[in-house]
Structures are given as C-alpha cells and as structure tokens.
Protein backbone atom coordinates (compact mmCIF):
# COMPACT_ATOMS: atom_id res chain seq x y z
CA MET A 1 -17.29 -15.17 39.35
CA LEU A 2 -14.54 -16.07 36.65
CA ILE A 3 -15.29 -16.07 32.52
CA TYR A 4 -12.74 -17.28 30.70
CA PHE A 5 -13.72 -16.77 26.92
CA VAL A 6 -11.25 -18.94 24.25
CA SER A 7 -11.79 -18.88 20.68
CA LYS A 8 -10.32 -21.03 17.72
CA VAL A 9 -10.92 -20.61 14.19
CA LEU A 10 -10.57 -23.82 12.47
CA GLN A 11 -7.92 -23.73 9.71
CA GLN A 12 -7.71 -25.96 6.74
CA SER A 13 -9.02 -29.53 6.95
CA GLU A 14 -10.57 -28.71 10.38
CA VAL A 15 -13.53 -27.27 8.85
CA ASN A 16 -14.30 -30.36 7.43
CA TYR A 17 -14.63 -32.23 10.80
CA PRO A 18 -18.10 -33.72 11.70
CA PRO A 19 -19.78 -31.58 14.57
CA ILE A 20 -19.47 -34.02 17.31
CA LYS A 21 -15.28 -34.20 16.49
CA LYS A 22 -15.45 -30.21 16.53
CA LEU A 23 -16.56 -30.72 20.07
CA VAL A 24 -14.05 -32.76 21.03
CA TYR A 25 -11.53 -30.85 19.45
CA ALA A 26 -12.67 -27.55 21.11
CA LEU A 27 -12.52 -29.20 24.54
CA THR A 28 -9.01 -29.85 23.76
CA HIS A 29 -8.22 -26.79 22.44
CA THR A 30 -9.65 -25.03 25.83
CA ALA A 31 -7.52 -27.58 27.77
CA ARG A 32 -4.48 -26.39 26.07
CA ARG A 33 -5.04 -22.90 26.46
CA LEU A 34 -6.48 -23.08 30.26
CA ARG A 35 -3.76 -26.13 31.42
CA ARG A 36 -3.12 -24.36 34.40
CA TYR A 37 -6.53 -24.50 36.02
CA PHE A 38 -7.57 -28.12 34.08
CA GLN A 39 -4.28 -29.04 36.24
CA ALA A 40 -5.31 -27.71 39.90
CA HIS A 41 -8.81 -28.18 39.38
CA SER A 42 -11.85 -30.78 38.74
CA ILE A 43 -13.34 -30.20 35.63
CA LEU A 44 -17.28 -29.64 35.01
CA VAL A 45 -18.22 -29.65 31.21
CA MET A 46 -21.81 -29.01 31.10
CA THR A 47 -22.81 -30.27 27.77
CA ASP A 48 -25.95 -31.85 26.02
CA GLN A 49 -23.65 -33.80 23.59
CA LEU A 50 -22.10 -37.25 23.79
CA ILE A 51 -18.65 -36.11 24.31
CA LYS A 52 -18.17 -38.29 27.39
CA TYR A 53 -18.71 -41.74 25.04
CA ILE A 54 -16.85 -40.70 22.36
CA LEU A 55 -13.38 -40.08 24.64
CA ARG A 56 -13.74 -43.31 26.11
CA ASN A 57 -14.67 -45.24 23.26
CA PRO A 58 -11.80 -47.92 22.74
CA GLU A 59 -12.30 -48.14 19.17
CA SER A 60 -11.54 -44.10 18.66
CA SER A 61 -9.05 -44.01 16.28
CA GLY A 62 -6.62 -41.35 14.96
CA ARG A 63 -7.39 -37.65 16.06
CA LEU A 64 -10.20 -38.55 18.55
CA ALA A 65 -7.47 -41.36 20.08
CA LYS A 66 -5.05 -38.72 20.19
CA TRP A 67 -7.10 -35.77 22.24
CA ALA A 68 -8.79 -38.45 24.29
CA ILE A 69 -5.16 -39.98 25.60
CA GLU A 70 -4.32 -35.90 26.29
CA LEU A 71 -7.43 -35.23 27.77
CA GLY A 72 -6.89 -38.24 30.35
CA GLU A 73 -4.70 -36.74 32.47
CA TYR A 74 -7.20 -34.21 33.55
CA GLU A 75 -10.32 -34.88 36.42
CA ILE A 76 -12.74 -34.20 33.55
CA ASN A 77 -16.53 -34.98 34.50
CA PHE A 78 -19.48 -34.49 32.09
CA SER A 79 -22.90 -33.57 33.28
CA PRO A 80 -26.34 -33.23 31.28
CA ARG A 81 -26.82 -29.58 30.50
CA HIS A 82 -30.39 -28.47 32.25
CA ALA A 83 -30.63 -25.74 33.71
CA VAL A 84 -29.40 -22.22 32.28
CA LYS A 85 -28.85 -19.84 34.89
CA GLY A 86 -24.97 -19.76 34.68
CA GLN A 87 -24.95 -19.27 31.02
CA ASN A 88 -27.67 -16.42 31.52
CA LEU A 89 -25.28 -14.88 33.88
CA ALA A 90 -22.53 -15.07 31.49
CA ASP A 91 -24.19 -13.60 28.95
CA PHE A 92 -25.39 -10.90 30.79
CA LEU A 93 -21.96 -10.05 32.12
CA LEU A 94 -20.96 -10.20 28.42
CA GLU A 95 -23.70 -8.12 27.09
CA THR A 96 -23.63 -5.33 29.84
CA THR A 97 -19.66 -4.76 29.94
CA GLU A 98 -18.33 -2.64 27.16
CA LYS A 99 -15.12 -4.09 25.83
CA GLU A 100 -12.80 -1.92 23.92
CA LEU A 101 -11.18 -2.31 20.44
CA HIS A 102 -8.04 -1.62 18.87
CA THR A 103 -8.11 -2.21 14.78
CA ASP A 104 -5.41 -1.29 12.25
CA GLY A 105 -4.89 -1.82 8.42
CA ALA A 106 -1.97 -2.23 6.11
CA SER A 107 -1.27 -2.72 2.61
CA SER A 108 1.41 -3.39 0.67
CA GLU A 109 3.38 -5.14 -1.91
CA GLU A 110 3.42 -8.57 -0.42
CA GLY A 111 -0.44 -8.36 0.79
CA VAL A 112 -3.04 -6.69 2.45
CA GLY A 113 -4.29 -7.57 6.33
CA ALA A 114 -5.54 -6.10 9.36
CA GLY A 115 -5.00 -6.61 13.06
CA LEU A 116 -7.25 -6.51 15.87
CA VAL A 117 -6.54 -6.28 19.39
CA LEU A 118 -9.99 -6.84 21.74
CA THR A 119 -9.65 -5.96 25.64
CA SER A 120 -12.07 -6.72 28.45
CA PRO A 121 -12.58 -4.51 31.60
CA GLU A 122 -10.21 -6.87 33.26
CA GLY A 123 -7.07 -6.13 31.07
CA GLU A 124 -7.56 -9.57 28.72
CA GLU A 125 -6.83 -8.98 25.49
CA HIS A 126 -7.28 -11.17 22.53
CA THR A 127 -5.73 -10.70 18.88
CA TYR A 128 -6.84 -11.18 15.66
CA ALA A 129 -5.64 -10.78 12.09
CA LEU A 130 -7.33 -11.02 9.03
CA ARG A 131 -5.41 -11.63 5.73
CA PHE A 132 -7.10 -10.14 2.45
CA CYS A 133 -7.81 -12.02 -0.66
CA PHE A 134 -8.06 -8.87 -2.24
CA TYR A 135 -6.29 -5.66 -3.37
CA ALA A 136 -7.27 -2.40 -0.89
CA SER A 137 -5.53 0.69 -0.30
CA ASN A 138 -4.62 1.78 2.77
CA ASN A 139 -7.71 3.83 3.27
CA GLU A 140 -9.83 1.18 2.21
CA ALA A 141 -7.68 -1.93 5.15
CA GLU A 142 -8.34 0.33 7.64
CA TYR A 143 -12.21 0.66 7.01
CA GLU A 144 -12.10 -3.41 6.33
CA ALA A 145 -10.29 -3.86 9.67
CA LEU A 146 -13.12 -1.94 11.42
CA PHE A 147 -15.69 -3.39 9.86
CA SER A 148 -14.62 -6.93 10.38
CA SER A 149 -13.86 -6.24 13.54
CA LEU A 150 -17.48 -5.35 14.57
CA ARG A 151 -18.62 -8.54 12.84
CA ILE A 152 -16.66 -10.35 15.14
CA ALA A 153 -17.62 -8.56 17.70
CA LEU A 154 -21.32 -9.29 17.41
CA GLU A 155 -20.36 -12.92 16.71
CA MET A 156 -18.77 -13.02 20.59
CA GLY A 157 -22.44 -11.55 21.64
CA ILE A 158 -20.62 -8.16 22.59
CA LYS A 159 -23.30 -5.10 22.46
CA HIS A 160 -21.38 -2.06 23.79
CA LEU A 161 -17.97 -1.52 22.28
CA ARG A 162 -15.56 1.48 22.25
CA ALA A 163 -13.33 0.88 18.91
CA TYR A 164 -10.26 2.83 18.51
CA VAL A 165 -9.02 3.58 15.18
CA ASP A 166 -5.78 5.77 13.84
CA SER A 167 -7.16 7.41 10.82
CA GLN A 168 -9.29 10.06 10.69
CA ILE A 169 -11.08 9.17 7.78
CA VAL A 170 -12.38 6.04 9.13
CA ALA A 171 -13.29 8.03 12.46
CA GLN A 172 -15.33 10.56 11.03
CA GLN A 173 -17.12 8.54 7.96
CA TYR A 174 -17.45 4.73 9.44
CA LEU A 175 -21.32 5.71 10.18
CA GLN A 176 -21.90 6.76 6.46
CA LEU A 177 -20.62 2.86 5.25
CA GLY A 178 -21.23 0.27 8.26
CA GLU A 179 -24.87 1.78 9.61
CA LYS A 180 -26.25 -1.21 8.87
CA ILE A 181 -23.55 -3.23 11.45
CA SER A 182 -23.56 -0.29 13.55
CA LYS A 183 -27.39 -0.63 14.15
CA ASN A 184 -26.61 -4.07 15.83
CA PHE A 185 -24.94 -2.57 19.15
CA GLU A 186 -26.38 -0.76 21.82
CA THR A 187 -23.72 1.54 21.75
CA LEU A 188 -21.29 2.00 19.94
CA GLU A 189 -18.26 4.69 19.89
CA VAL A 190 -15.56 5.03 17.21
CA VAL A 191 -12.50 6.90 18.48
CA GLU A 192 -9.42 8.88 16.57
CA ILE A 193 -6.42 7.76 18.73
CA PRO A 194 -2.24 8.44 17.69
CA ARG A 195 -0.34 5.87 15.82
CA ASN A 196 1.74 5.41 18.63
CA LYS A 197 -1.09 4.35 20.97
CA ASN A 198 -2.33 1.93 18.50
CA LYS A 199 0.74 -0.44 18.12
CA LYS A 200 -0.19 -3.64 19.02
CA ALA A 201 -3.14 -3.73 16.09
CA ASP A 202 -0.63 -1.85 13.88
CA VAL A 203 2.14 -4.59 14.41
CA LEU A 204 -0.50 -7.70 13.36
CA SER A 205 -1.76 -5.91 10.62
CA LYS A 206 1.75 -5.88 9.09
CA LEU A 207 2.45 -9.56 10.50
CA ALA A 208 -0.51 -10.59 8.53
CA THR A 209 0.66 -9.31 5.29
CA LEU A 210 4.37 -10.58 5.27
CA THR A 211 4.50 -13.66 7.65
CA PHE A 212 0.51 -14.83 7.50
CA ASP A 213 1.88 -18.98 7.47
CA TYR A 214 3.85 -18.27 10.71
CA LEU A 215 1.21 -16.25 12.56
CA HIS A 216 -1.37 -18.44 12.30
CA LYS A 217 0.05 -20.72 15.17
CA LYS A 218 0.51 -17.67 17.64
CA VAL A 219 -2.61 -15.56 17.14
CA LEU A 220 -6.42 -16.23 15.70
CA VAL A 221 -6.36 -15.75 12.18
CA ASP A 222 -9.12 -15.54 9.45
CA VAL A 223 -9.10 -14.72 5.38
CA LEU A 224 -11.62 -12.14 4.36
CA LYS A 225 -12.62 -12.86 0.59
CA ASP A 226 -14.68 -10.59 -0.02
CA LYS A 227 -15.52 -6.35 0.22
CA SER A 228 -17.15 -5.14 3.17
CA VAL A 229 -17.55 -1.70 1.23
CA ASP A 230 -18.10 -1.73 -2.33
CA GLU A 231 -18.22 1.60 -2.95
CA LYS A 232 -15.12 3.50 -3.82
CA VAL A 233 -13.88 5.78 -0.64
CA VAL A 234 -13.51 9.38 -1.83
CA VAL A 235 -11.74 11.48 0.53
CA ALA A 236 -13.40 15.16 0.59
CA THR A 237 -12.16 17.40 -1.60
CA VAL A 238 -11.32 20.65 -0.72
CA GLU A 239 -12.59 23.18 -3.53
CA GLU A 240 -10.55 26.85 -3.98
CA ARG A 241 -13.94 29.00 -3.55
CA GLU A 242 -11.85 32.60 -3.86
CA PRO A 243 -8.31 33.59 -5.00
CA CYS A 244 -5.70 32.27 -2.18
CA TRP A 245 -1.95 32.06 -1.79
CA ILE A 246 -1.79 28.85 -3.81
CA THR A 247 -4.03 30.45 -7.04
CA PRO A 248 -0.58 31.60 -8.37
CA TYR A 249 0.88 28.41 -7.76
CA VAL A 250 -1.80 26.49 -9.19
CA LYS A 251 -1.87 28.70 -12.45
CA TYR A 252 1.36 28.37 -12.85
CA LEU A 253 1.59 24.74 -13.05
CA GLN A 254 -1.55 24.62 -15.36
CA ASP A 255 -0.92 26.50 -18.31
CA GLY A 256 2.57 28.27 -17.30
CA THR A 257 0.72 31.84 -16.62
CA LEU A 258 2.83 33.96 -13.77
CA PRO A 259 1.57 36.63 -11.57
CA ILE A 260 1.81 40.44 -13.16
CA ASP A 261 3.86 41.04 -9.34
CA ALA A 262 7.54 40.93 -10.31
CA MET A 263 8.30 39.49 -6.57
CA GLU A 264 5.58 36.77 -7.24
CA ALA A 265 6.70 36.07 -10.35
CA ARG A 266 10.34 35.76 -8.70
CA TRP A 267 9.15 33.44 -6.12
CA ILE A 268 7.29 31.07 -8.46
CA ARG A 269 10.23 30.90 -10.74
CA GLN A 270 12.79 30.12 -8.03
CA ALA A 271 12.81 26.36 -9.17
CA ILE A 272 13.99 27.60 -12.73
CA ASP A 273 16.21 29.81 -10.84
CA VAL A 274 17.53 26.60 -9.24
CA VAL A 275 18.00 24.63 -12.54
CA LYS A 276 19.99 27.55 -14.12
CA GLU A 277 22.41 27.70 -11.34
CA ILE A 278 23.04 23.77 -11.44
CA HIS A 279 23.08 23.42 -14.80
CA GLU A 280 25.54 26.56 -15.66
CA GLY A 281 26.58 28.05 -12.55
CA LEU A 282 29.59 28.71 -10.70
CA CYS A 283 29.85 24.35 -10.26
CA ALA A 284 28.18 23.58 -13.55
CA GLN A 285 29.22 20.54 -15.71
CA HIS A 286 26.48 21.24 -18.37
CA SER A 287 24.71 17.73 -18.26
CA GLY A 288 21.46 16.38 -18.98
CA TYR A 289 18.20 17.24 -17.77
CA ARG A 290 18.18 13.57 -15.92
CA THR A 291 21.18 14.46 -14.20
CA ILE A 292 20.18 18.12 -13.49
CA VAL A 293 16.77 16.86 -11.97
CA GLY A 294 18.62 14.10 -9.69
CA ARG A 295 20.76 16.91 -8.14
CA ILE A 296 18.09 19.16 -7.81
CA MET A 297 15.91 16.37 -5.79
CA ARG A 298 18.89 15.81 -3.84
CA GLN A 299 19.06 19.50 -2.74
CA GLY A 300 15.60 19.42 -1.50
CA TYR A 301 13.61 20.80 -4.22
CA TYR A 302 10.59 19.68 -6.58
CA LEU A 303 7.95 20.75 -8.64
CA GLN A 304 5.80 19.41 -10.68
CA SER A 305 6.56 20.19 -14.04
CA ILE A 306 10.66 19.79 -13.18
CA TYR A 307 11.59 17.72 -15.78
CA LYS A 308 9.86 20.13 -18.62
CA ASP A 309 11.25 22.77 -16.71
CA THR A 310 14.86 21.32 -16.92
CA ALA A 311 14.67 20.34 -20.58
CA ASP A 312 13.16 23.95 -21.50
CA VAL A 313 16.30 25.40 -19.93
CA ILE A 314 19.10 22.98 -21.42
CA LYS A 315 17.51 23.82 -24.87
CA THR A 316 17.88 27.55 -24.41
CA CYS A 317 21.30 26.93 -23.06
CA ASP A 318 23.75 28.89 -25.73
CA ALA A 319 26.64 26.76 -24.76
CA CYS A 320 25.10 23.61 -24.85
CA GLN A 321 24.05 24.57 -28.12
CA ARG A 322 27.32 25.18 -29.72
CA HIS A 323 29.55 22.68 -28.19
CA GLY A 324 27.12 19.89 -27.72
CA THR A 325 27.26 16.53 -29.76
CA VAL A 326 24.39 15.03 -31.48
CA GLN A 327 23.61 12.00 -29.88
CA ARG A 328 23.25 8.98 -32.05
CA LEU A 329 23.93 5.79 -29.30
CA PRO A 330 22.70 5.29 -26.35
CA ASN A 331 24.61 6.98 -23.09
CA LYS A 332 26.68 5.20 -20.69
CA TRP A 333 26.92 6.59 -17.27
CA VAL A 334 30.56 7.72 -16.10
CA GLU A 335 32.42 7.52 -13.15
CA ALA A 336 34.94 10.49 -12.97
CA LYS A 337 37.25 11.61 -10.41
CA VAL A 338 39.70 14.41 -10.06
CA LEU A 339 43.31 12.71 -8.95
CA ALA A 340 47.13 14.06 -7.67
CA LYS A 341 48.40 10.85 -8.78
CA ILE A 342 47.29 8.35 -10.86
CA THR A 343 49.08 5.31 -8.90
CA GLY A 344 48.14 1.38 -8.58
CA GLU A 345 46.71 2.76 -4.98
CA ASN A 346 44.59 5.63 -5.94
CA ILE A 347 42.88 3.72 -8.78
CA LYS A 348 42.53 0.56 -6.17
CA LYS A 349 40.48 3.27 -3.89
CA PHE A 350 38.20 4.94 -6.75
CA VAL A 351 37.35 1.88 -8.02
CA TRP A 352 36.51 0.94 -4.76
CA ASN A 353 34.44 3.78 -3.52
CA ASP A 354 32.89 4.70 -6.48
CA ILE A 355 31.99 1.59 -8.48
CA VAL A 356 32.14 -1.25 -6.03
CA CYS A 357 30.42 -0.06 -3.45
CA ILE A 358 27.35 1.85 -4.95
CA TYR A 359 26.94 -0.65 -8.47
CA GLY A 360 28.26 -3.83 -6.76
CA LEU A 361 31.75 -6.11 -8.06
CA PRO A 362 32.15 -5.66 -11.74
CA ASN A 363 32.76 -9.10 -14.10
CA GLU A 364 35.46 -7.66 -15.95
CA ILE A 365 37.60 -4.45 -15.83
CA VAL A 366 38.67 -3.27 -19.32
CA SER A 367 42.08 -0.81 -19.50
CA ASP A 368 45.43 0.02 -21.35
CA ASN A 369 48.48 -1.75 -19.93
CA GLY A 370 49.50 1.25 -18.00
CA LYS A 371 51.44 0.25 -14.91
CA GLN A 372 48.83 1.47 -12.46
CA PHE A 373 46.31 -1.22 -13.79
CA ALA A 374 48.94 -3.85 -14.49
CA ASP A 375 50.98 -4.21 -11.61
CA ASN A 376 50.22 -4.63 -8.03
CA PRO A 377 48.45 -3.55 -5.84
CA PHE A 378 45.54 -3.27 -8.25
CA ARG A 379 46.58 -6.47 -10.30
CA SER A 380 46.57 -8.51 -6.88
CA TRP A 381 43.40 -6.78 -5.46
CA CYS A 382 41.49 -7.74 -8.46
CA GLU A 383 42.31 -11.44 -8.20
CA GLU A 384 40.93 -11.50 -4.53
CA LEU A 385 37.47 -10.01 -5.93
CA ASN A 386 38.13 -12.56 -8.67
CA ILE A 387 37.43 -9.35 -10.83
CA LYS A 388 38.88 -10.20 -14.91
CA GLN A 389 41.40 -7.72 -16.02
CA THR A 390 41.52 -7.38 -19.79
CA PHE A 391 44.13 -5.54 -21.34
CA THR A 392 43.85 -3.25 -25.02
CA SER A 393 46.56 -4.34 -27.42
CA VAL A 394 49.15 -2.00 -27.93
CA ALA A 395 49.10 -2.10 -31.52
CA HIS A 396 45.07 -1.74 -31.45
CA PRO A 397 44.14 0.75 -29.24
CA GLN A 398 40.84 1.37 -30.50
CA ALA A 399 39.48 -1.42 -28.47
CA ASN A 400 39.53 1.26 -25.61
CA GLY A 401 37.75 3.51 -27.69
CA GLN A 402 34.94 4.21 -25.23
CA VAL A 403 37.18 5.33 -22.60
CA GLU A 404 38.74 7.66 -25.27
CA VAL A 405 35.22 9.16 -26.33
CA THR A 406 34.51 9.71 -22.66
CA THR A 407 37.75 11.92 -22.49
CA LYS A 408 36.50 13.74 -25.09
CA GLU A 409 33.32 14.26 -24.03
CA ILE A 410 34.76 15.88 -20.56
CA VAL A 411 36.83 17.89 -22.61
CA VAL A 412 33.31 19.02 -24.31
CA GLY A 413 32.05 19.83 -21.33
CA ILE A 414 34.92 21.72 -20.34
CA LYS A 415 34.94 23.96 -22.94
CA ALA A 416 30.97 24.41 -22.52
CA ARG A 417 31.77 25.85 -18.78
CA LEU A 418 34.55 28.06 -19.61
CA GLY A 419 32.45 29.40 -22.71
CA LEU A 420 34.01 32.49 -24.17
CA SER A 421 37.15 32.34 -22.00
CA GLN A 422 38.84 29.09 -22.99
CA THR A 423 40.70 31.04 -25.80
CA LYS A 424 42.72 33.18 -23.19
C-alpha cells in the first residue's frame, strides 16, 4: 500500500476561502503534486462533501471554474465515505513508524527564521520554512525551530519522532522548556549532530531570513508570530571555585593587579610590551592610539583593555610628549609612500593602489603645478576616470596648506623616532 501525504499552507487570501472552496483547492493542489499518478490511474476520491457537484456546476466562475477545467483532464470519480478501514490503516502506520526531523534556526540583520526537514522511513522528505515576526538570538531561533517542528509533527499525527539539532544547548535543555509539547509524543528523542550533517535545514533557515518571498513558491512556508519560550534562555555559567590558571588574568583585567611572580607578571604584561614595540620600537612611527590598536589587532593580539593600555603607553612616551603637537582640529588620515623618483607614472600607481583600490574613486584631487601632476600620464589617467584636477596658484601656495601641514607632521614623527640622535 502506498501512502502519500500532501500538505499546503494557505497564503494571504487563501485563508478566507469558504470550506468547500478550500476542499476543491486541496484536491487541485494534490493533483498538481501527484500529476503522474493522476494521469496514469483512475482516481477515487472518498468524501462526504459535495465536491463533485461544485466542479460540475456550469454556473461556477472564477477560481472554481479554473480548477474544474484543470481537474477535467483526469479520470476522477467521487464516492461517499462510509467505511473508515483504509483510514484506520493509514493512521496506524502513521502513528507506529518513527519519523526523523532535522531542524535549524538562523538569526541575522535581515530577519529570523527556521528550516525543517521531515523524513519518513522510506526516505521521503517534506521541507518546511518558518519566518519569525519577532527578534530572536541564535539560541532562541534554535529553540523556536525545534518547538515549531514538534507542533507541526503533532498536527500531522506523528507520535514517534527523532529530532536532530546542531545545537548542544537545545539538545540538553529542550525538556526543561518544552515539557508540555514533549508529553504529547509516545516516543521523542532529540539528538545533537554536527552542523555538516544538518545542511538542508541550515540552508532552509537562512533562505527563510533572506529570500522569503521567493521561498514560498518552492517549499511550505509559515509565519510564526509569538514566541514559544517566554523565559530568557540562559547559558550555563561556569563559576571559579578555586584559583586556577585564569585567575591572574581575571584579576589583571578587573583591577590591574599583577602576580607576585615575575615570570607570570611578564606573561600577563606581554600585551603592554607589544604596544611599546609597535609604538616606539625599531619600525615605529609614534602614531596615535587608534592606529597602534589597529596594527596590534592585525598582528593577531587582543586584550579587553587594549585601548586603555595603548593610551596609557602613549601618554608616558617621552618622545611623544616632547615633540607632539597640541590637537586643536580634527585629524584627517594621511596616505604616504616612499618613492625613489617622483614621476607621473609613480604618482599614478600610488593613487591607484593606495587610494582608489582602498577608498574608491575621489571626486577631486588638489595638487600643485608640478609636472608629475599636470602632465601625462597622470592627467590623462584622471580624465579617463572622471577625476577633477585642481591646481593651486603659484602666487597663493597656502591653498595647498593641508599637504604642507602633513609634511610637517611627518617631520615631527621622524624627530620623535630619532630621539636624541637627531642632532648628531
């Protein structure tokens, strides 16, 4: 005996159909899904409703007339539903066989959703997607995906279910939050699996958050308006009962206390040594704290108090205190590069590699009347890219004063870098 389950979630105006119209629509949807069976066999519909007369009514119009024409190509016979033996057998098979369920939740800036994949023992899959109308974290989305799947399984009459999730927290704590739903199953097992074995549900959950309008044409889609879990999901916290290897680090982050042992203190202060090396070491430029922090992170180091520690190091730097300038106006970033020769081709490469490829095309470039700027190839290259060139007047060089100030800042940095040897 072949038993095929077909379902359809009504969308938008379909929910307002009259009951008899919903039955005709259900038959039409079933014929579309099982088109090969309807074409190859004579179909007997057991029903206690007047679907037969609705389809054969010549006064039908609109969707009913369209569905009647669509169903007219099949050999469909209608019979009153008196005996229920066949239905009892189908219900028995549905209740005694264990189904497999894969669920996954996803949360992003675009939205929150879940993906469900229900698999029968014969390998037949039913895909389902949920779009949440409320905000939920990743863990909450995982819980909602599981509990919504269990409710859908109960509506389908499933009593034996094995659910697979890729979240350890959900697998261990679902009974505490979903006890009411779990009691409705005769057997229910929630198993944690690796994420790479839950790819189908993972893809469905991400599609539900990004391309929901297109997704409802391909898989079953529903909208979840209310949360299943009212209480806030709290991840189990680990409390330190006795001192361990992380204790010195925690104390240093909390109140700056260093261990008495010099070696342990050296390891903890390693981040400070990195700050000093980048700020005033062999290849240092005595830059500001934001630039120093960026270089530290790009080297793979991180500390919770990295901004504070970097600012403290710069404040105690003797060279910065002696040669630094007083900040009065907002800084603008500087792109500088060492060139052997200042030619038009080198200027072109510099602007392309260090400005255009990083920040995009500039609207205007202000420069002096040097040949490297005013002549080709740089001038023709700017015209090709629609970059406006503005040249400062020879009689009024102050118009290019920002570059002069930048040059002065570079000189100050060189002085700070050379220190006492600058007079030798």
